[in-house]
Amino acid sequence: MTFVLAGTLSGRGGIQTHLFWLARALLESGNRVRVISLGPLLSPEDKARVCLLQAFGDFATICPQFNQEGRLNTPFRTVWNLINELRHLVPHVYLACGTGWNLFLPAIFSRACPIRVFHEVMSGEMTGKWDSRLSVTWGFQHVVAQASRVAVTFERAFGWRHEIRVLPAFPEALEITSTIPRTQSIRIPVGKARAAFFSRLVPHKGALWLVKQWPQLSDCLAELHIYGSGPEKEPIEKLIQDNQWNERVFCHGPYPDGQAYVDILSNFDLTLLPTLGAEGAPLVLLESMACGVPFVAYGVGGIPDYANPDCIIVNPSSTDAFLLSIQALVTRLSRGEVDQERLQTFYADTFSYNRLKSRWLVFFESFQMNSAQQA
């Protein structure tokens, strides 16, 4: 089958990671894959990842927003380029991931994409009167949500009247790109646990708020490490400096990927994500579980789908509850009530690359079965 995946491969984020690994899963199964990459031109690092995909089969990228000289096209030219590309490819399946009219209208108006799928990897909430996802409700046949609560939110917000399948997005497959240490269940005394935050440093993610809570957390945690970039980085650094917390609270900036990321993440005892934003299902929590590191996170967006016996998902109605949950998890770590091996197994059985690959291929195979029955 020929698949067109529409989103972006430019930069590093949840959509880019998901499309990369979904493309690889489809290529490994003998399919032809094209990715429409909207947004900035691919960087040398992005192009290197594209080359990795080309090693798995018939793969190429389409960057319709730019001409051959690398200059930005007009919006009309971009749409027209996409329509022509789709009429040339005649894909069996068109899957859009993200937002923007360019993701949806060309697939509808080209009349060249018999199966059109939208994968909602955000919260499912409408962001304005002219939200581009409105076109999904009349121009696409299938909606897939990243998590069960996201499915309910999208159905209510956009008036979708058909079944919404729940299929998680692919995280970075650390078990393939890296060597993950096999964890052992160990006890960590109260006051000795090292905690980390991995995400963008923007207000709704809660990194600055978390650092401000250090006086309450200093008795149960030995250290707090903040990894990420964004507008809150300088305020966090200033807060640490002004309060002379430098020996126990750290702001490191962006975190690496691959083995370097695994090596850093595996050395922590727990991760924290006090996000209160319009979340889908943050991939950093999956990556934490892959390394056997339990987390505390607010139960917003699709995060409740990550529920397991070794992590704590907090009711978002109370900030005090988040701090109490950190203390509770630290206490459980000290008593040996957290099973890091069980947590790694939960990830492997539920969210690993091979598990998600199997689930996505079963979903796409259902289209082939329906086509055969109709024929």
Protein backbone atom coordinates (compact mmCIF):
# COMPACT_ATOMS: atom_id res chain seq x y z
CA MET A 1 0.00 0.00 0.00
CA THR A 2 1.01 3.62 -0.48
CA PHE A 3 0.74 5.83 2.61
CA VAL A 4 0.99 9.61 2.85
CA LEU A 5 1.66 10.89 6.37
CA ALA A 6 1.04 14.63 6.68
CA GLY A 7 2.55 16.68 9.49
CA THR A 8 6.17 17.69 9.87
CA LEU A 9 9.59 16.12 10.24
CA SER A 10 11.26 19.48 10.88
CA GLY A 11 12.67 19.80 14.38
CA ARG A 12 12.22 17.51 17.36
CA GLY A 13 8.85 17.13 19.03
CA GLY A 14 6.01 14.70 19.58
CA ILE A 15 4.59 14.86 16.03
CA GLN A 16 8.03 14.51 14.44
CA THR A 17 8.87 11.51 16.64
CA HIS A 18 5.54 9.84 16.01
CA LEU A 19 5.68 10.25 12.23
CA PHE A 20 9.26 8.98 12.08
CA TRP A 21 8.48 5.73 13.90
CA LEU A 22 5.11 5.23 12.23
CA ALA A 23 6.82 5.61 8.85
CA ARG A 24 9.43 3.07 9.89
CA ALA A 25 6.75 0.59 11.01
CA LEU A 26 4.97 0.90 7.66
CA LEU A 27 8.20 0.60 5.67
CA GLU A 28 9.28 -2.50 7.58
CA SER A 29 5.97 -4.06 6.54
CA GLY A 30 6.67 -3.50 2.84
CA ASN A 31 4.62 -0.35 2.28
CA ARG A 32 5.50 2.76 0.28
CA VAL A 33 5.58 5.90 2.45
CA ARG A 34 5.69 9.62 1.74
CA VAL A 35 5.74 12.25 4.50
CA ILE A 36 4.42 15.74 3.78
CA SER A 37 6.60 17.93 5.99
CA LEU A 38 5.01 21.33 6.53
CA GLY A 39 6.78 24.09 8.42
CA PRO A 40 10.48 25.02 8.20
CA LEU A 41 12.88 23.41 5.76
CA LEU A 42 14.51 20.23 6.99
CA SER A 43 17.76 20.85 8.83
CA PRO A 44 20.86 18.69 8.24
CA GLU A 45 19.88 16.70 11.36
CA ASP A 46 16.34 16.21 9.99
CA LYS A 47 17.74 15.05 6.65
CA ALA A 48 19.95 12.53 8.44
CA ARG A 49 16.84 11.01 10.04
CA VAL A 50 15.19 10.88 6.60
CA CYS A 51 18.19 8.93 5.31
CA LEU A 52 17.67 6.42 8.11
CA LEU A 53 14.10 5.84 6.93
CA GLN A 54 15.19 5.40 3.32
CA ALA A 55 17.21 2.38 4.44
CA PHE A 56 13.96 0.61 5.37
CA GLY A 57 12.18 0.93 2.03
CA ASP A 58 10.51 3.24 -0.49
CA PHE A 59 10.43 6.51 1.42
CA ALA A 60 10.62 10.21 0.54
CA THR A 61 9.60 13.58 1.96
CA ILE A 62 7.51 16.29 0.32
CA CYS A 63 8.07 19.93 1.34
CA PRO A 64 5.36 21.81 -0.61
CA GLN A 65 5.87 25.16 1.11
CA PHE A 66 9.22 25.74 -0.62
CA ASN A 67 10.31 25.88 -4.25
CA GLN A 68 13.44 24.29 -5.67
CA GLU A 69 15.52 27.31 -4.62
CA GLY A 70 14.34 26.98 -1.02
CA ARG A 71 12.13 30.05 -1.16
CA LEU A 72 8.75 30.12 0.57
CA ASN A 73 5.75 29.57 -1.71
CA THR A 74 2.49 31.46 -1.37
CA PRO A 75 -0.28 29.64 0.55
CA PHE A 76 -2.18 29.07 -2.70
CA ARG A 77 0.90 27.60 -4.39
CA THR A 78 1.50 25.33 -1.39
CA VAL A 79 -2.02 23.93 -1.56
CA TRP A 80 -1.82 23.53 -5.32
CA ASN A 81 1.52 21.70 -5.02
CA LEU A 82 0.02 19.32 -2.50
CA ILE A 83 -3.03 18.60 -4.62
CA ASN A 84 -0.81 17.79 -7.61
CA GLU A 85 1.48 15.58 -5.50
CA LEU A 86 -1.48 13.61 -4.18
CA ARG A 87 -2.98 13.17 -7.65
CA HIS A 88 0.37 11.83 -8.79
CA LEU A 89 0.80 9.45 -5.85
CA VAL A 90 -2.84 8.29 -5.51
CA PRO A 91 -2.20 6.95 -1.98
CA HIS A 92 -4.31 4.24 -0.44
CA VAL A 93 -4.24 5.98 2.95
CA TYR A 94 -3.73 9.63 3.85
CA LEU A 95 -3.04 10.26 7.55
CA ALA A 96 -2.87 13.80 8.94
CA CYS A 97 -1.30 14.59 12.29
CA GLY A 98 -1.41 18.13 13.70
CA THR A 99 -3.36 21.23 12.73
CA GLY A 100 -3.47 23.59 9.75
CA TRP A 101 -5.72 23.82 6.72
CA ASN A 102 -2.85 22.61 4.53
CA LEU A 103 -3.03 19.26 6.28
CA PHE A 104 -6.67 18.66 5.41
CA LEU A 105 -7.95 20.56 2.37
CA PRO A 106 -5.55 19.17 -0.29
CA ALA A 107 -6.44 15.59 0.66
CA ILE A 108 -10.13 16.41 0.36
CA PHE A 109 -10.03 18.50 -2.83
CA SER A 110 -7.57 16.31 -4.73
CA ARG A 111 -10.07 13.43 -4.72
CA ALA A 112 -7.03 11.17 -4.86
CA CYS A 113 -7.10 9.85 -1.27
CA PRO A 114 -9.83 7.24 -0.78
CA ILE A 115 -9.05 6.68 2.91
CA ARG A 116 -8.46 9.83 4.97
CA VAL A 117 -7.47 9.46 8.63
CA PHE A 118 -6.89 12.16 11.22
CA HIS A 119 -4.74 11.29 14.23
CA GLU A 120 -5.45 13.62 17.16
CA VAL A 121 -2.25 13.81 19.19
CA MET A 122 -3.23 16.91 21.15
CA SER A 123 -5.97 17.41 23.72
CA GLY A 124 -8.94 17.22 21.33
CA GLU A 125 -10.13 20.67 22.43
CA MET A 126 -11.15 23.30 19.87
CA THR A 127 -8.76 26.25 19.82
CA GLY A 128 -10.93 28.83 18.07
CA LYS A 129 -13.95 29.48 15.90
CA TRP A 130 -12.04 28.60 12.73
CA ASP A 131 -10.10 25.61 14.00
CA SER A 132 -8.76 23.78 10.93
CA ARG A 133 -9.83 20.43 12.39
CA LEU A 134 -13.43 21.37 11.57
CA SER A 135 -12.66 20.19 8.04
CA VAL A 136 -12.06 16.69 9.46
CA THR A 137 -15.72 16.41 10.41
CA TRP A 138 -16.90 16.66 6.79
CA GLY A 139 -13.88 15.58 4.78
CA PHE A 140 -12.33 12.62 6.64
CA GLN A 141 -13.72 9.15 7.25
CA HIS A 142 -11.68 8.17 10.30
CA VAL A 143 -10.43 9.79 13.49
CA VAL A 144 -7.87 8.14 15.73
CA ALA A 145 -7.12 9.61 19.17
CA GLN A 146 -3.91 9.31 21.13
CA ALA A 147 -5.79 8.50 24.35
CA SER A 148 -9.30 7.63 25.48
CA ARG A 149 -10.02 10.97 27.13
CA VAL A 150 -8.73 12.78 24.03
CA ALA A 151 -11.25 10.79 21.98
CA VAL A 152 -14.12 11.89 24.23
CA THR A 153 -12.96 15.52 24.15
CA PHE A 154 -12.65 15.58 20.34
CA GLU A 155 -16.06 13.98 19.88
CA ARG A 156 -17.70 16.57 22.11
CA ALA A 157 -15.77 19.59 20.78
CA PHE A 158 -16.11 18.86 17.05
CA GLY A 159 -19.36 16.91 16.93
CA TRP A 160 -17.80 13.76 15.48
CA ARG A 161 -20.53 11.15 15.06
CA HIS A 162 -18.54 8.00 14.32
CA GLU A 163 -16.33 5.62 16.26
CA ILE A 164 -12.98 7.02 17.34
CA ARG A 165 -10.23 4.46 17.67
CA VAL A 166 -7.64 4.97 20.39
CA LEU A 167 -4.06 4.38 19.27
CA PRO A 168 -1.10 5.94 21.13
CA ALA A 169 1.52 7.92 19.27
CA PHE A 170 4.95 6.38 18.96
CA PRO A 171 7.50 7.69 21.47
CA GLU A 172 11.22 7.61 20.75
CA ALA A 173 11.91 3.86 20.70
CA LEU A 174 14.70 3.98 23.24
CA GLU A 175 14.77 0.19 23.37
CA ILE A 176 15.93 0.26 19.72
CA THR A 177 18.07 3.39 19.57
CA SER A 178 19.80 2.83 22.91
CA THR A 179 20.85 0.28 25.48
CA ILE A 180 18.45 0.63 28.40
CA PRO A 181 19.78 -0.71 31.69
CA ARG A 182 17.62 -3.45 33.14
CA THR A 183 16.38 -1.94 36.37
CA GLN A 184 16.26 -3.62 39.72
CA SER A 185 13.72 -2.94 42.42
CA ILE A 186 15.61 -0.98 45.07
CA ARG A 187 14.76 1.08 48.12
CA ILE A 188 15.72 4.75 48.21
CA PRO A 189 15.68 6.40 51.66
CA VAL A 190 13.48 9.45 52.12
CA GLY A 191 15.59 12.52 51.44
CA LYS A 192 17.92 10.69 49.05
CA ALA A 193 15.71 10.49 45.93
CA ARG A 194 16.79 12.44 42.83
CA ALA A 195 13.93 13.88 40.74
CA ALA A 196 13.91 15.34 37.23
CA PHE A 197 11.63 17.33 34.94
CA PHE A 198 11.92 16.82 31.16
CA SER A 199 9.81 19.09 28.95
CA ARG A 200 9.49 22.54 27.44
CA LEU A 201 10.03 25.38 29.89
CA VAL A 202 6.73 27.15 29.25
CA PRO A 203 4.22 28.24 31.91
CA HIS A 204 1.61 25.50 31.48
CA LYS A 205 4.22 22.74 31.87
CA GLY A 206 4.89 23.90 35.43
CA ALA A 207 8.70 23.81 35.68
CA LEU A 208 9.00 27.24 37.32
CA TRP A 209 6.16 26.43 39.70
CA LEU A 210 7.92 23.18 40.61
CA VAL A 211 11.20 24.93 41.45
CA LYS A 212 9.31 27.43 43.62
CA GLN A 213 8.12 24.47 45.73
CA TRP A 214 11.66 23.47 46.64
CA PRO A 215 11.34 24.59 50.31
CA GLN A 216 8.50 22.05 50.73
CA LEU A 217 10.27 19.36 48.70
CA SER A 218 13.77 19.69 50.13
CA ASP A 219 13.06 17.32 53.02
CA CYS A 220 11.97 14.42 50.80
CA LEU A 221 14.21 14.99 47.75
CA ALA A 222 17.98 15.18 47.59
CA GLU A 223 18.05 16.97 44.23
CA LEU A 224 15.74 18.44 41.59
CA HIS A 225 16.95 18.68 37.99
CA ILE A 226 15.19 20.68 35.26
CA TYR A 227 15.83 19.78 31.60
CA GLY A 228 14.36 21.74 28.69
CA SER A 229 14.35 25.07 26.91
CA GLY A 230 11.87 27.91 26.73
CA PRO A 231 10.96 31.30 28.22
CA GLU A 232 11.00 30.04 31.82
CA LYS A 233 14.66 29.02 31.71
CA GLU A 234 16.06 32.39 32.83
CA PRO A 235 13.50 32.90 35.64
CA ILE A 236 14.27 29.39 36.91
CA GLU A 237 18.01 30.03 36.88
CA LYS A 238 17.51 33.36 38.67
CA LEU A 239 15.29 31.75 41.30
CA ILE A 240 17.91 29.10 41.99
CA GLN A 241 20.69 31.67 42.19
CA ASP A 242 18.80 34.16 44.37
CA ASN A 243 17.89 31.46 46.91
CA GLN A 244 21.32 29.79 46.82
CA TRP A 245 19.83 26.43 45.92
CA ASN A 246 22.67 25.74 43.46
CA GLU A 247 23.91 22.63 45.25
CA ARG A 248 20.57 20.81 45.10
CA VAL A 249 18.45 22.37 42.31
CA PHE A 250 19.79 22.46 38.75
CA CYS A 251 18.62 23.86 35.41
CA HIS A 252 20.48 22.11 32.58
CA GLY A 253 18.87 23.39 29.39
CA PRO A 254 17.87 21.09 26.50
CA TYR A 255 18.30 17.37 27.01
CA PRO A 256 19.92 15.09 24.42
CA ASP A 257 18.39 12.13 22.62
CA GLY A 258 19.40 8.52 22.09
CA GLN A 259 21.86 6.87 24.46
CA ALA A 260 22.83 10.13 26.15
CA TYR A 261 19.17 10.72 27.07
CA VAL A 262 18.80 7.17 28.43
CA ASP A 263 21.99 7.52 30.47
CA ILE A 264 20.68 10.73 32.07
CA LEU A 265 17.10 9.55 32.61
CA SER A 266 18.09 6.18 34.08
CA ASN A 267 20.09 7.87 36.84
CA PHE A 268 17.01 9.50 38.38
CA ASP A 269 14.65 7.90 40.88
CA LEU A 270 11.47 9.67 39.70
CA THR A 271 10.32 12.18 37.11
CA LEU A 272 7.80 14.99 37.60
CA LEU A 273 5.41 16.65 35.14
CA PRO A 274 3.06 19.18 36.79
CA THR A 275 1.53 20.24 33.47
CA LEU A 276 -1.93 21.80 33.53
CA GLY A 277 -2.12 22.60 29.83
CA ALA A 278 -4.19 21.20 26.99
CA GLU A 279 -2.19 17.99 26.76
CA GLY A 280 -2.46 14.97 24.53
CA ALA A 281 -0.37 12.26 26.17
CA PRO A 282 3.22 13.45 26.75
CA LEU A 283 5.79 11.07 25.32
CA VAL A 284 8.35 11.95 28.00
CA LEU A 285 6.29 9.91 30.47
CA LEU A 286 6.50 6.86 28.22
CA GLU A 287 10.25 7.32 27.95
CA SER A 288 10.47 7.54 31.73
CA MET A 289 8.61 4.24 32.08
CA ALA A 290 10.83 2.65 29.42
CA CYS A 291 13.78 3.32 31.74
CA GLY A 292 11.93 2.00 34.79
CA VAL A 293 11.65 5.46 36.36
CA PRO A 294 8.25 6.15 38.00
CA PHE A 295 6.57 9.52 37.53
CA VAL A 296 4.17 11.92 39.22
CA ALA A 297 1.99 13.86 36.76
CA TYR A 298 -1.33 15.66 36.70
CA GLY A 299 -4.15 13.66 35.13
CA VAL A 300 -4.83 16.08 32.27
CA GLY A 301 -5.44 15.20 28.62
CA GLY A 302 -4.55 11.59 27.86
CA ILE A 303 -2.19 11.08 30.81
CA PRO A 304 -4.71 8.85 32.70
CA ASP A 305 -4.16 6.23 29.96
CA TYR A 306 -0.65 5.79 31.39
CA ALA A 307 -2.00 4.61 34.77
CA ASN A 308 -0.04 1.77 36.38
CA PRO A 309 0.73 0.57 39.94
CA ASP A 310 4.12 2.28 40.16
CA CYS A 311 3.35 5.86 39.09
CA ILE A 312 1.02 8.48 40.55
CA ILE A 313 -1.45 10.46 38.43
CA VAL A 314 -2.80 13.42 40.37
CA ASN A 315 -6.21 15.06 40.29
CA PRO A 316 -5.52 18.43 38.60
CA SER A 317 -7.85 20.35 40.89
CA SER A 318 -5.26 20.80 43.66
CA THR A 319 -1.64 21.97 43.59
CA ASP A 320 -1.20 20.71 47.15
CA ALA A 321 -2.13 17.24 45.93
CA PHE A 322 0.84 17.26 43.56
CA LEU A 323 3.30 17.96 46.37
CA LEU A 324 1.67 15.35 48.59
CA SER A 325 1.90 12.84 45.73
CA ILE A 326 5.64 13.47 45.36
CA GLN A 327 6.04 12.80 49.07
CA ALA A 328 3.88 9.68 48.75
CA LEU A 329 5.94 8.28 45.87
CA VAL A 330 9.18 9.01 47.73
CA THR A 331 7.80 7.17 50.77
CA ARG A 332 6.84 4.19 48.61
CA LEU A 333 10.34 4.18 47.10
CA SER A 334 11.82 4.07 50.60
CA ARG A 335 9.60 1.10 51.55
CA GLY A 336 10.34 -0.88 48.41
CA GLU A 337 6.73 -0.57 47.25
CA VAL A 338 7.71 0.64 43.77
CA ASP A 339 8.68 -2.17 41.40
CA GLN A 340 10.90 -0.64 38.71
CA GLU A 341 11.11 -3.96 36.85
CA ARG A 342 7.32 -4.20 36.73
CA LEU A 343 7.18 -0.64 35.36
CA GLN A 344 9.58 -1.49 32.52
CA THR A 345 7.51 -4.57 31.72
CA PHE A 346 4.33 -2.48 31.65
CA TYR A 347 5.94 -0.16 29.09
CA ALA A 348 7.20 -3.09 26.98
CA ASP A 349 3.79 -4.78 26.95
CA THR A 350 1.79 -1.62 26.27
CA PHE A 351 3.81 1.16 24.61
CA SER A 352 7.01 -0.29 23.15
CA TYR A 353 7.77 0.12 19.45
CA ASN A 354 6.93 -3.49 18.61
CA ARG A 355 3.66 -3.35 20.53
CA LEU A 356 2.52 -0.09 18.94
CA LYS A 357 3.68 -1.24 15.51
CA SER A 358 1.45 -4.30 15.83
CA ARG A 359 -1.56 -2.23 16.89
CA TRP A 360 -1.16 0.29 14.07
CA LEU A 361 -0.71 -2.39 11.41
CA VAL A 362 -3.88 -4.18 12.59
CA PHE A 363 -5.73 -0.87 12.24
CA PHE A 364 -4.49 -0.29 8.68
CA GLU A 365 -5.10 -3.93 7.70
CA SER A 366 -8.77 -3.42 8.52
CA PHE A 367 -8.95 -1.06 5.51
CA GLN A 368 -7.60 -3.78 3.24
CA MET A 369 -10.15 -6.26 4.57
CA ASN A 370 -13.01 -3.81 4.03
CA SER A 371 -11.83 -3.10 0.47
CA ALA A 372 -11.65 -6.82 -0.28
CA GLN A 373 -15.16 -7.39 1.09
CA GLN A 374 -16.57 -4.51 -0.97
CA ALA A 375 -14.88 -5.87 -4.10
